[in-house]
Amino acid sequence: MVEGSLRPAATRENFERLRADPLFDDIVGMVANYLAMAFDAPASAERERWTLSCFPQTGRASGLRRMCTLNFGSMEVLYISQQLSDGVVADHLVTHYVSASALESVSGFSLSDLVIRNGRMSIERTSMVSAGGDGAVIQRWLSDPVACDQAAGIAIDARTIRPLADHLATKGRGSHQRSHNRWFAEHVLGLMAN
């Protein structure tokens, strides 16, 4: 595909813009870990089961700019956003999607109990149809060390990510092919290969 026909989220320019961000290595690590927990061979699933975009144009929430999005089929499963204050980056919001039933089973707690126990994060069932009623969305601000500690203690791992990835595989390819950033994907897969 000629770069001129790509959506902005799929261009080398947007990848270079993401790579210039001070959190780039952390973002690559989050994406690589998520892919490793979802697939036995992430490279062979690229474009068929997952896509990755840089600075996608989204229905922007007030004051937030999406930096990158990992999609499994048609569902966004991991994204990192910048919180902007007067045009300056003030913080970063990390959003993960996992299987709600697996999260409850692994933790031994209901989602509502997990919210009470992890009050610095947002945890709720997602209404995304592609999750088939079994998706949970977990959000945390990177500037909040307590929320980051809570996230490290909750099962955002293969036990909760893989069931969602397997479910989404039954839904087929998503609509994000034209936004897939091959430079970002190559970088993440290169890190995973080392």
N, C-alpha and C. Protein backbone atom coordinates (compact mmCIF):
# COMPACT_ATOMS: atom_id res chain seq x y z
N MET A 1 0.85 -1.18 0.00
CA MET A 1 0.00 0.00 0.00
C MET A 1 0.89 1.23 0.00
N VAL A 2 0.60 2.19 -0.82
CA VAL A 2 1.36 3.44 -0.91
C VAL A 2 1.04 4.28 0.32
N GLU A 3 2.09 4.85 0.94
CA GLU A 3 1.88 5.59 2.18
C GLU A 3 0.87 6.72 2.01
N GLY A 4 0.81 7.36 0.85
CA GLY A 4 -0.14 8.43 0.63
C GLY A 4 -1.60 8.01 0.73
N SER A 5 -1.87 6.70 0.56
CA SER A 5 -3.25 6.22 0.65
C SER A 5 -3.60 5.72 2.05
N LEU A 6 -2.64 5.77 2.97
CA LEU A 6 -2.87 5.31 4.34
C LEU A 6 -3.63 6.35 5.15
N ARG A 7 -4.34 5.89 6.15
CA ARG A 7 -4.92 6.82 7.11
C ARG A 7 -3.77 7.38 7.95
N PRO A 8 -3.92 8.57 8.48
CA PRO A 8 -2.81 9.16 9.26
C PRO A 8 -2.29 8.24 10.37
N ALA A 9 -3.15 7.50 11.03
CA ALA A 9 -2.73 6.60 12.12
C ALA A 9 -1.79 5.50 11.63
N ALA A 10 -1.75 5.25 10.33
CA ALA A 10 -0.93 4.18 9.76
C ALA A 10 0.37 4.68 9.15
N THR A 11 0.64 5.97 9.21
CA THR A 11 1.80 6.52 8.52
C THR A 11 3.07 6.47 9.36
N ARG A 12 4.18 6.48 8.65
CA ARG A 12 5.48 6.53 9.31
C ARG A 12 5.61 7.83 10.11
N GLU A 13 5.05 8.90 9.58
CA GLU A 13 5.09 10.19 10.28
C GLU A 13 4.47 10.08 11.67
N ASN A 14 3.32 9.43 11.78
CA ASN A 14 2.70 9.28 13.10
C ASN A 14 3.50 8.35 13.99
N PHE A 15 4.12 7.31 13.40
CA PHE A 15 4.99 6.45 14.20
C PHE A 15 6.17 7.25 14.75
N GLU A 16 6.80 8.08 13.93
CA GLU A 16 7.93 8.88 14.38
C GLU A 16 7.51 9.87 15.46
N ARG A 17 6.30 10.39 15.32
CA ARG A 17 5.76 11.29 16.34
C ARG A 17 5.60 10.55 17.67
N LEU A 18 5.10 9.31 17.62
CA LEU A 18 4.96 8.51 18.84
C LEU A 18 6.34 8.15 19.40
N ARG A 19 7.27 7.80 18.52
CA ARG A 19 8.61 7.41 18.95
C ARG A 19 9.33 8.56 19.66
N ALA A 20 8.99 9.79 19.33
CA ALA A 20 9.61 10.96 19.97
C ALA A 20 9.08 11.22 21.37
N ASP A 21 7.99 10.56 21.75
CA ASP A 21 7.40 10.78 23.07
C ASP A 21 8.28 10.16 24.15
N PRO A 22 8.47 10.83 25.28
CA PRO A 22 9.30 10.28 26.35
C PRO A 22 8.80 8.93 26.90
N LEU A 23 7.53 8.63 26.75
CA LEU A 23 6.97 7.36 27.23
C LEU A 23 6.99 6.25 26.18
N PHE A 24 7.63 6.50 25.05
CA PHE A 24 7.59 5.53 23.96
C PHE A 24 8.01 4.13 24.39
N ASP A 25 9.12 3.99 25.09
CA ASP A 25 9.58 2.66 25.50
C ASP A 25 8.56 1.98 26.42
N ASP A 26 7.95 2.74 27.30
CA ASP A 26 6.93 2.17 28.19
C ASP A 26 5.71 1.71 27.39
N ILE A 27 5.32 2.51 26.40
CA ILE A 27 4.18 2.17 25.56
C ILE A 27 4.47 0.90 24.77
N VAL A 28 5.66 0.81 24.18
CA VAL A 28 6.04 -0.38 23.43
C VAL A 28 6.00 -1.60 24.35
N GLY A 29 6.51 -1.45 25.57
CA GLY A 29 6.48 -2.55 26.53
C GLY A 29 5.07 -3.01 26.86
N MET A 30 4.15 -2.05 27.04
CA MET A 30 2.76 -2.41 27.34
C MET A 30 2.13 -3.17 26.18
N VAL A 31 2.35 -2.69 24.96
CA VAL A 31 1.77 -3.34 23.78
C VAL A 31 2.37 -4.74 23.61
N ALA A 32 3.70 -4.84 23.73
CA ALA A 32 4.37 -6.14 23.58
C ALA A 32 3.88 -7.14 24.62
N ASN A 33 3.75 -6.70 25.87
CA ASN A 33 3.26 -7.60 26.92
C ASN A 33 1.84 -8.05 26.64
N TYR A 34 1.00 -7.13 26.20
CA TYR A 34 -0.39 -7.47 25.92
C TYR A 34 -0.47 -8.50 24.78
N LEU A 35 0.31 -8.26 23.72
CA LEU A 35 0.32 -9.22 22.60
C LEU A 35 0.85 -10.59 23.04
N ALA A 36 1.91 -10.59 23.85
CA ALA A 36 2.48 -11.86 24.31
C ALA A 36 1.50 -12.65 25.16
N MET A 37 0.66 -11.95 25.90
CA MET A 37 -0.32 -12.63 26.74
C MET A 37 -1.53 -13.11 25.94
N ALA A 38 -1.76 -12.51 24.78
CA ALA A 38 -2.94 -12.84 23.98
C ALA A 38 -2.69 -13.94 22.96
N PHE A 39 -1.48 -14.01 22.42
CA PHE A 39 -1.20 -14.90 21.29
C PHE A 39 0.08 -15.70 21.51
N ASP A 40 0.07 -16.95 21.06
CA ASP A 40 1.30 -17.75 21.09
C ASP A 40 2.31 -17.23 20.10
N ALA A 41 1.86 -16.77 18.95
CA ALA A 41 2.74 -16.26 17.89
C ALA A 41 2.17 -14.94 17.37
N PRO A 42 2.40 -13.84 18.09
CA PRO A 42 1.81 -12.55 17.68
C PRO A 42 2.14 -12.14 16.25
N ALA A 43 3.35 -12.42 15.79
CA ALA A 43 3.73 -11.99 14.44
C ALA A 43 2.85 -12.63 13.38
N SER A 44 2.48 -13.89 13.57
CA SER A 44 1.65 -14.56 12.57
C SER A 44 0.19 -14.10 12.63
N ALA A 45 -0.18 -13.43 13.71
CA ALA A 45 -1.57 -12.95 13.85
C ALA A 45 -1.73 -11.49 13.43
N GLU A 46 -0.59 -10.83 13.13
CA GLU A 46 -0.65 -9.41 12.76
C GLU A 46 -1.57 -9.21 11.56
N ARG A 47 -2.38 -8.19 11.63
CA ARG A 47 -3.37 -7.79 10.62
C ARG A 47 -4.57 -8.73 10.56
N GLU A 48 -4.39 -10.00 10.79
CA GLU A 48 -5.51 -10.95 10.77
C GLU A 48 -6.29 -10.89 12.08
N ARG A 49 -5.56 -10.85 13.21
CA ARG A 49 -6.22 -10.86 14.51
C ARG A 49 -5.98 -9.58 15.29
N TRP A 50 -4.94 -8.85 14.94
CA TRP A 50 -4.69 -7.60 15.66
C TRP A 50 -4.11 -6.54 14.73
N THR A 51 -4.40 -5.29 15.09
CA THR A 51 -3.84 -4.13 14.40
C THR A 51 -3.42 -3.11 15.45
N LEU A 52 -2.55 -2.21 15.03
CA LEU A 52 -1.98 -1.23 15.93
C LEU A 52 -1.94 0.12 15.21
N SER A 53 -2.35 1.17 15.86
CA SER A 53 -2.36 2.48 15.22
C SER A 53 -1.66 3.52 16.09
N CYS A 54 -1.17 4.58 15.46
CA CYS A 54 -0.49 5.69 16.14
C CYS A 54 -1.28 6.98 15.96
N PHE A 55 -1.63 7.61 17.04
CA PHE A 55 -2.41 8.84 17.02
C PHE A 55 -3.64 8.71 16.12
N PRO A 56 -4.48 7.69 16.39
CA PRO A 56 -5.68 7.54 15.57
C PRO A 56 -6.67 8.67 15.83
N GLN A 57 -7.45 8.97 14.82
CA GLN A 57 -8.50 9.96 14.99
C GLN A 57 -9.69 9.23 15.60
N THR A 58 -10.04 9.62 16.82
CA THR A 58 -11.12 8.95 17.54
C THR A 58 -12.15 9.98 17.93
N GLY A 59 -13.28 9.51 18.41
CA GLY A 59 -14.25 10.41 19.02
C GLY A 59 -13.64 10.88 20.32
N ARG A 60 -12.89 11.94 20.28
CA ARG A 60 -12.06 12.35 21.39
C ARG A 60 -12.88 12.77 22.60
N ALA A 61 -12.45 12.23 23.75
CA ALA A 61 -13.00 12.69 25.02
C ALA A 61 -12.37 14.06 25.31
N SER A 62 -13.07 14.87 26.02
CA SER A 62 -12.60 16.21 26.32
C SER A 62 -11.23 16.17 26.99
N GLY A 63 -10.27 16.87 26.39
CA GLY A 63 -8.96 16.99 26.97
C GLY A 63 -8.05 15.78 26.79
N LEU A 64 -8.48 14.77 26.04
CA LEU A 64 -7.67 13.57 25.82
C LEU A 64 -7.32 13.43 24.34
N ARG A 65 -6.09 13.00 24.08
CA ARG A 65 -5.64 12.69 22.72
C ARG A 65 -5.07 11.27 22.73
N ARG A 66 -5.66 10.41 21.90
CA ARG A 66 -5.23 9.02 21.82
C ARG A 66 -3.85 8.94 21.18
N MET A 67 -2.92 8.27 21.85
CA MET A 67 -1.56 8.10 21.32
C MET A 67 -1.46 6.84 20.46
N CYS A 68 -2.01 5.75 20.96
CA CYS A 68 -1.97 4.50 20.19
C CYS A 68 -3.12 3.62 20.63
N THR A 69 -3.49 2.70 19.72
CA THR A 69 -4.57 1.76 19.99
C THR A 69 -4.19 0.40 19.45
N LEU A 70 -4.36 -0.62 20.29
CA LEU A 70 -4.22 -2.01 19.88
C LEU A 70 -5.63 -2.57 19.74
N ASN A 71 -5.94 -3.10 18.58
CA ASN A 71 -7.26 -3.68 18.32
C ASN A 71 -7.12 -5.18 18.12
N PHE A 72 -8.04 -5.94 18.69
CA PHE A 72 -8.20 -7.35 18.37
C PHE A 72 -9.48 -7.43 17.55
N GLY A 73 -9.34 -7.72 16.26
CA GLY A 73 -10.51 -7.67 15.39
C GLY A 73 -11.06 -6.27 15.38
N SER A 74 -12.34 -6.13 15.69
CA SER A 74 -12.98 -4.81 15.66
C SER A 74 -12.98 -4.11 17.02
N MET A 75 -12.40 -4.74 18.04
CA MET A 75 -12.47 -4.17 19.39
C MET A 75 -11.13 -3.58 19.82
N GLU A 76 -11.20 -2.36 20.34
CA GLU A 76 -10.03 -1.74 20.95
C GLU A 76 -9.80 -2.45 22.29
N VAL A 77 -8.57 -2.95 22.50
CA VAL A 77 -8.31 -3.69 23.74
C VAL A 77 -7.26 -3.04 24.62
N LEU A 78 -6.48 -2.15 24.06
CA LEU A 78 -5.49 -1.41 24.85
C LEU A 78 -5.26 -0.08 24.15
N TYR A 79 -5.34 0.99 24.90
CA TYR A 79 -4.95 2.28 24.33
C TYR A 79 -4.41 3.19 25.41
N ILE A 80 -3.53 4.08 24.96
CA ILE A 80 -2.91 5.05 25.84
C ILE A 80 -3.25 6.42 25.29
N SER A 81 -3.72 7.29 26.19
CA SER A 81 -4.13 8.64 25.80
C SER A 81 -3.35 9.67 26.60
N GLN A 82 -3.12 10.82 25.98
CA GLN A 82 -2.53 11.95 26.67
C GLN A 82 -3.64 12.84 27.20
N GLN A 83 -3.51 13.26 28.45
CA GLN A 83 -4.41 14.26 28.99
C GLN A 83 -3.76 15.61 28.73
N LEU A 84 -4.49 16.49 28.08
CA LEU A 84 -3.95 17.80 27.71
C LEU A 84 -4.55 18.89 28.59
N SER A 85 -3.68 19.80 28.99
CA SER A 85 -4.10 20.98 29.74
C SER A 85 -3.47 22.18 29.06
N ASP A 86 -4.30 23.01 28.45
CA ASP A 86 -3.82 24.16 27.67
C ASP A 86 -2.81 23.72 26.61
N GLY A 87 -3.09 22.58 25.96
CA GLY A 87 -2.26 22.08 24.88
C GLY A 87 -0.98 21.37 25.32
N VAL A 88 -0.76 21.26 26.63
CA VAL A 88 0.43 20.61 27.17
C VAL A 88 0.03 19.27 27.79
N VAL A 89 0.87 18.25 27.59
CA VAL A 89 0.58 16.93 28.16
C VAL A 89 0.74 17.00 29.68
N ALA A 90 -0.35 16.68 30.39
CA ALA A 90 -0.35 16.72 31.85
C ALA A 90 -0.27 15.32 32.46
N ASP A 91 -0.77 14.32 31.74
CA ASP A 91 -0.79 12.96 32.29
C ASP A 91 -1.09 11.99 31.15
N HIS A 92 -1.08 10.70 31.46
CA HIS A 92 -1.40 9.66 30.48
C HIS A 92 -2.41 8.70 31.10
N LEU A 93 -3.41 8.34 30.34
CA LEU A 93 -4.44 7.41 30.76
C LEU A 93 -4.25 6.10 30.00
N VAL A 94 -4.13 5.00 30.74
CA VAL A 94 -3.98 3.68 30.14
C VAL A 94 -5.30 2.94 30.29
N THR A 95 -5.78 2.39 29.18
CA THR A 95 -7.05 1.66 29.17
C THR A 95 -6.81 0.24 28.65
N HIS A 96 -7.18 -0.76 29.48
CA HIS A 96 -7.05 -2.18 29.14
C HIS A 96 -8.45 -2.79 29.07
N TYR A 97 -8.64 -3.74 28.18
CA TYR A 97 -9.85 -4.56 28.17
C TYR A 97 -9.43 -6.01 28.41
N VAL A 98 -10.20 -6.69 29.26
CA VAL A 98 -9.96 -8.09 29.58
C VAL A 98 -11.30 -8.82 29.63
N SER A 99 -11.25 -10.13 29.77
CA SER A 99 -12.47 -10.91 29.98
C SER A 99 -12.97 -10.67 31.40
N ALA A 100 -14.20 -10.21 31.55
CA ALA A 100 -14.76 -9.93 32.88
C ALA A 100 -14.91 -11.21 33.69
N SER A 101 -15.40 -12.27 33.06
CA SER A 101 -15.60 -13.52 33.81
C SER A 101 -14.26 -14.10 34.26
N ALA A 102 -13.24 -14.01 33.41
CA ALA A 102 -11.91 -14.51 33.79
C ALA A 102 -11.33 -13.66 34.92
N LEU A 103 -11.51 -12.34 34.85
CA LEU A 103 -11.02 -11.45 35.90
C LEU A 103 -11.67 -11.80 37.24
N GLU A 104 -12.98 -12.02 37.22
CA GLU A 104 -13.68 -12.39 38.46
C GLU A 104 -13.21 -13.75 38.96
N SER A 105 -13.04 -14.70 38.07
CA SER A 105 -12.60 -16.04 38.46
C SER A 105 -11.19 -16.03 39.04
N VAL A 106 -10.27 -15.36 38.37
CA VAL A 106 -8.88 -15.33 38.81
C VAL A 106 -8.73 -14.58 40.13
N SER A 107 -9.43 -13.47 40.26
CA SER A 107 -9.30 -12.64 41.46
C SER A 107 -10.10 -13.18 42.64
N GLY A 108 -11.17 -13.90 42.33
CA GLY A 108 -12.07 -14.36 43.39
C GLY A 108 -13.04 -13.29 43.85
N PHE A 109 -13.11 -12.19 43.10
CA PHE A 109 -14.00 -11.09 43.46
C PHE A 109 -14.86 -10.70 42.27
N SER A 110 -16.06 -10.17 42.57
CA SER A 110 -16.91 -9.61 41.51
C SER A 110 -16.29 -8.30 41.05
N LEU A 111 -16.74 -7.83 39.89
CA LEU A 111 -16.23 -6.54 39.40
C LEU A 111 -16.51 -5.43 40.40
N SER A 112 -17.70 -5.42 41.00
CA SER A 112 -18.02 -4.36 41.96
C SER A 112 -17.11 -4.45 43.19
N ASP A 113 -16.75 -5.66 43.63
CA ASP A 113 -15.81 -5.79 44.75
C ASP A 113 -14.41 -5.33 44.34
N LEU A 114 -14.03 -5.62 43.10
CA LEU A 114 -12.72 -5.17 42.62
C LEU A 114 -12.64 -3.65 42.58
N VAL A 115 -13.75 -2.99 42.24
CA VAL A 115 -13.79 -1.52 42.24
C VAL A 115 -13.54 -1.00 43.65
N ILE A 116 -14.19 -1.62 44.64
CA ILE A 116 -14.03 -1.19 46.03
C ILE A 116 -12.59 -1.41 46.50
N ARG A 117 -12.01 -2.54 46.14
CA ARG A 117 -10.65 -2.89 46.58
C ARG A 117 -9.57 -2.10 45.84
N ASN A 118 -9.89 -1.60 44.67
CA ASN A 118 -8.92 -0.88 43.83
C ASN A 118 -9.47 0.47 43.43
N GLY A 119 -9.75 1.29 44.42
CA GLY A 119 -10.48 2.54 44.22
C GLY A 119 -9.79 3.60 43.39
N ARG A 120 -8.51 3.45 43.12
CA ARG A 120 -7.81 4.47 42.35
C ARG A 120 -7.85 4.17 40.85
N MET A 121 -8.40 3.00 40.49
CA MET A 121 -8.57 2.65 39.08
C MET A 121 -10.06 2.62 38.77
N SER A 122 -10.37 2.76 37.51
CA SER A 122 -11.74 2.56 37.05
C SER A 122 -11.84 1.14 36.51
N ILE A 123 -12.80 0.38 37.02
CA ILE A 123 -13.04 -0.98 36.55
C ILE A 123 -14.55 -1.12 36.34
N GLU A 124 -14.94 -1.47 35.12
CA GLU A 124 -16.37 -1.65 34.86
C GLU A 124 -16.58 -2.59 33.67
N ARG A 125 -17.76 -3.14 33.62
CA ARG A 125 -18.12 -4.00 32.48
C ARG A 125 -18.31 -3.11 31.26
N THR A 126 -17.80 -3.55 30.12
CA THR A 126 -17.93 -2.76 28.91
C THR A 126 -19.23 -3.11 28.19
N SER A 127 -19.77 -2.12 27.52
CA SER A 127 -20.98 -2.34 26.72
C SER A 127 -20.63 -2.65 25.26
N MET A 128 -19.34 -2.80 24.95
CA MET A 128 -18.94 -3.09 23.57
C MET A 128 -19.53 -4.43 23.14
N VAL A 129 -20.30 -4.40 22.08
CA VAL A 129 -20.99 -5.59 21.58
C VAL A 129 -20.02 -6.71 21.23
N SER A 130 -18.86 -6.34 20.66
CA SER A 130 -17.90 -7.37 20.23
C SER A 130 -17.39 -8.21 21.40
N ALA A 131 -17.45 -7.70 22.63
CA ALA A 131 -17.00 -8.46 23.79
C ALA A 131 -18.01 -9.53 24.19
N GLY A 132 -19.19 -9.50 23.60
CA GLY A 132 -20.20 -10.52 23.89
C GLY A 132 -20.67 -10.53 25.33
N GLY A 133 -20.66 -9.37 25.98
CA GLY A 133 -21.12 -9.29 27.37
C GLY A 133 -20.05 -9.71 28.38
N ASP A 134 -18.86 -10.08 27.91
CA ASP A 134 -17.82 -10.57 28.82
C ASP A 134 -16.56 -9.72 28.77
N GLY A 135 -16.71 -8.43 28.68
CA GLY A 135 -15.56 -7.55 28.67
C GLY A 135 -15.56 -6.64 29.88
N ALA A 136 -14.37 -6.40 30.42
CA ALA A 136 -14.20 -5.42 31.49
C ALA A 136 -13.16 -4.42 31.02
N VAL A 137 -13.40 -3.16 31.32
CA VAL A 137 -12.46 -2.10 30.98
C VAL A 137 -11.84 -1.59 32.27
N ILE A 138 -10.50 -1.49 32.25
CA ILE A 138 -9.74 -1.06 33.42
C ILE A 138 -8.92 0.15 32.99
N GLN A 139 -9.05 1.25 33.75
CA GLN A 139 -8.32 2.47 33.40
C GLN A 139 -7.54 2.98 34.60
N ARG A 140 -6.36 3.55 34.31
CA ARG A 140 -5.56 4.17 35.37
C ARG A 140 -4.73 5.31 34.79
N TRP A 141 -4.46 6.29 35.64
CA TRP A 141 -3.59 7.41 35.29
C TRP A 141 -2.16 7.04 35.65
N LEU A 142 -1.22 7.25 34.74
CA LEU A 142 0.17 6.88 35.01
C LEU A 142 0.82 7.73 36.09
N SER A 143 0.31 8.93 36.33
CA SER A 143 0.89 9.79 37.37
C SER A 143 0.50 9.35 38.77
N ASP A 144 -0.43 8.43 38.88
CA ASP A 144 -0.94 7.99 40.18
C ASP A 144 -0.24 6.70 40.59
N PRO A 145 0.77 6.77 41.48
CA PRO A 145 1.51 5.57 41.85
C PRO A 145 0.65 4.51 42.55
N VAL A 146 -0.36 4.95 43.28
CA VAL A 146 -1.25 3.99 43.95
C VAL A 146 -2.04 3.21 42.90
N ALA A 147 -2.56 3.91 41.89
CA ALA A 147 -3.31 3.24 40.82
C ALA A 147 -2.40 2.28 40.06
N CYS A 148 -1.16 2.68 39.83
CA CYS A 148 -0.21 1.79 39.13
C CYS A 148 0.10 0.56 39.96
N ASP A 149 0.25 0.73 41.29
CA ASP A 149 0.45 -0.43 42.17
C ASP A 149 -0.78 -1.33 42.16
N GLN A 150 -1.97 -0.72 42.19
CA GLN A 150 -3.19 -1.52 42.14
C GLN A 150 -3.27 -2.30 40.82
N ALA A 151 -2.90 -1.65 39.71
CA ALA A 151 -2.94 -2.32 38.41
C ALA A 151 -1.96 -3.50 38.38
N ALA A 152 -0.81 -3.34 39.02
CA ALA A 152 0.17 -4.42 39.06
C ALA A 152 -0.35 -5.61 39.87
N GLY A 153 -1.26 -5.35 40.79
CA GLY A 153 -1.79 -6.41 41.64
C GLY A 153 -3.06 -7.06 41.12
N ILE A 154 -3.60 -6.55 40.03
CA ILE A 154 -4.82 -7.12 39.46
C ILE A 154 -4.43 -7.98 38.25
N ALA A 155 -5.23 -8.94 37.94
CA ALA A 155 -4.88 -9.92 36.89
C ALA A 155 -5.10 -9.37 35.48
N ILE A 156 -4.24 -8.44 35.08
CA ILE A 156 -4.21 -8.01 33.68
C ILE A 156 -3.09 -8.82 33.05
N ASP A 157 -3.39 -10.08 32.76
CA ASP A 157 -2.37 -11.01 32.28
C ASP A 157 -3.00 -12.04 31.35
N ALA A 158 -2.25 -13.06 31.00
CA ALA A 158 -2.74 -14.05 30.03
C ALA A 158 -4.04 -14.71 30.48
N ARG A 159 -4.23 -14.84 31.77
CA ARG A 159 -5.45 -15.50 32.27
C ARG A 159 -6.71 -14.69 31.98
N THR A 160 -6.58 -13.38 31.81
CA THR A 160 -7.75 -12.54 31.54
C THR A 160 -7.76 -11.95 30.14
N ILE A 161 -6.57 -11.82 29.54
CA ILE A 161 -6.48 -11.26 28.19
C ILE A 161 -6.74 -12.33 27.13
N ARG A 162 -6.15 -13.52 27.29
CA ARG A 162 -6.29 -14.58 26.29
C ARG A 162 -7.75 -14.98 26.05
N PRO A 163 -8.58 -15.14 27.09
CA PRO A 163 -9.98 -15.49 26.81
C PRO A 163 -10.70 -14.44 25.95
N LEU A 164 -10.40 -13.17 26.17
CA LEU A 164 -11.02 -12.13 25.35
C LEU A 164 -10.49 -12.22 23.92
N ALA A 165 -9.17 -12.41 23.77
CA ALA A 165 -8.58 -12.53 22.43
C ALA A 165 -9.18 -13.72 21.68
N ASP A 166 -9.34 -14.85 22.37
CA ASP A 166 -9.92 -16.04 21.73
C ASP A 166 -11.36 -15.79 21.31
N HIS A 167 -12.12 -15.11 22.16
CA HIS A 167 -13.51 -14.78 21.81
C HIS A 167 -13.55 -13.87 20.59
N LEU A 168 -12.70 -12.87 20.57
CA LEU A 168 -12.71 -11.91 19.46
C LEU A 168 -12.24 -12.55 18.15
N ALA A 169 -11.44 -13.61 18.24
CA ALA A 169 -11.00 -14.32 17.02
C ALA A 169 -12.20 -14.91 16.28
N THR A 170 -13.25 -15.23 17.00
CA THR A 170 -14.45 -15.80 16.36
C THR A 170 -15.23 -14.74 15.59
N LYS A 171 -14.91 -13.49 15.83
CA LYS A 171 -15.63 -12.38 15.18
C LYS A 171 -15.03 -11.98 13.84
N GLY A 172 -13.84 -12.51 13.51
CA GLY A 172 -13.21 -12.19 12.24
C GLY A 172 -12.40 -10.91 12.31
N ARG A 173 -11.88 -10.53 11.14
CA ARG A 173 -11.05 -9.32 11.05
C ARG A 173 -11.89 -8.09 11.32
N GLY A 174 -11.24 -7.10 11.86
CA GLY A 174 -11.93 -5.86 12.16
C GLY A 174 -11.84 -4.87 11.01
N SER A 175 -12.30 -3.68 11.28
CA SER A 175 -12.34 -2.63 10.27
C SER A 175 -11.15 -1.68 10.37
N HIS A 176 -10.11 -2.08 11.09
CA HIS A 176 -9.00 -1.17 11.35
C HIS A 176 -7.78 -1.42 10.47
N GLN A 177 -7.93 -2.21 9.41
CA GLN A 177 -6.79 -2.55 8.55
C GLN A 177 -6.10 -1.32 7.97
N ARG A 178 -6.86 -0.36 7.53
CA ARG A 178 -6.27 0.83 6.89
C ARG A 178 -5.58 1.74 7.89
N SER A 179 -5.81 1.51 9.19
CA SER A 179 -5.16 2.32 10.22
C SER A 179 -3.97 1.60 10.85
N HIS A 180 -3.70 0.37 10.40
CA HIS A 180 -2.61 -0.42 10.98
C HIS A 180 -1.27 0.21 10.65
N ASN A 181 -0.49 0.49 11.68
CA ASN A 181 0.81 1.14 11.50
C ASN A 181 1.90 0.08 11.48
N ARG A 182 2.36 -0.27 10.29
CA ARG A 182 3.33 -1.37 10.14
C ARG A 182 4.67 -1.03 10.77
N TRP A 183 5.05 0.24 10.84
CA TRP A 183 6.31 0.63 11.47
C TRP A 183 6.25 0.39 12.98
N PHE A 184 5.14 0.75 13.57
CA PHE A 184 4.98 0.53 15.01
C PHE A 184 4.92 -0.98 15.28
N ALA A 185 4.16 -1.71 14.48
CA ALA A 185 4.06 -3.16 14.65
C ALA A 185 5.42 -3.82 14.52
N GLU A 186 6.20 -3.43 13.50
CA GLU A 186 7.54 -3.99 13.31
C GLU A 186 8.43 -3.71 14.50
N HIS A 187 8.33 -2.51 15.05
CA HIS A 187 9.14 -2.15 16.21
C HIS A 187 8.78 -3.02 17.41
N VAL A 188 7.48 -3.16 17.68
CA VAL A 188 7.03 -3.97 18.81
C VAL A 188 7.43 -5.43 18.61
N LEU A 189 7.19 -5.98 17.43
CA LEU A 189 7.54 -7.38 17.17
C LEU A 189 9.05 -7.59 17.23
N GLY A 190 9.83 -6.60 16.80
CA GLY A 190 11.28 -6.70 16.91
C GLY A 190 11.73 -6.79 18.35
N LEU A 191 11.12 -6.00 19.20
CA LEU A 191 11.43 -6.05 20.64
C LEU A 191 11.06 -7.42 21.20
N MET A 192 9.92 -7.94 20.79
CA MET A 192 9.47 -9.24 21.31
C MET A 192 10.39 -10.38 20.85
N ALA A 193 11.00 -10.23 19.68
CA ALA A 193 11.86 -11.28 19.15
C ALA A 193 13.21 -11.33 19.87
N ASN A 194 13.59 -10.23 20.52
CA ASN A 194 14.89 -10.17 21.22
C ASN A 194 14.79 -10.65 22.65
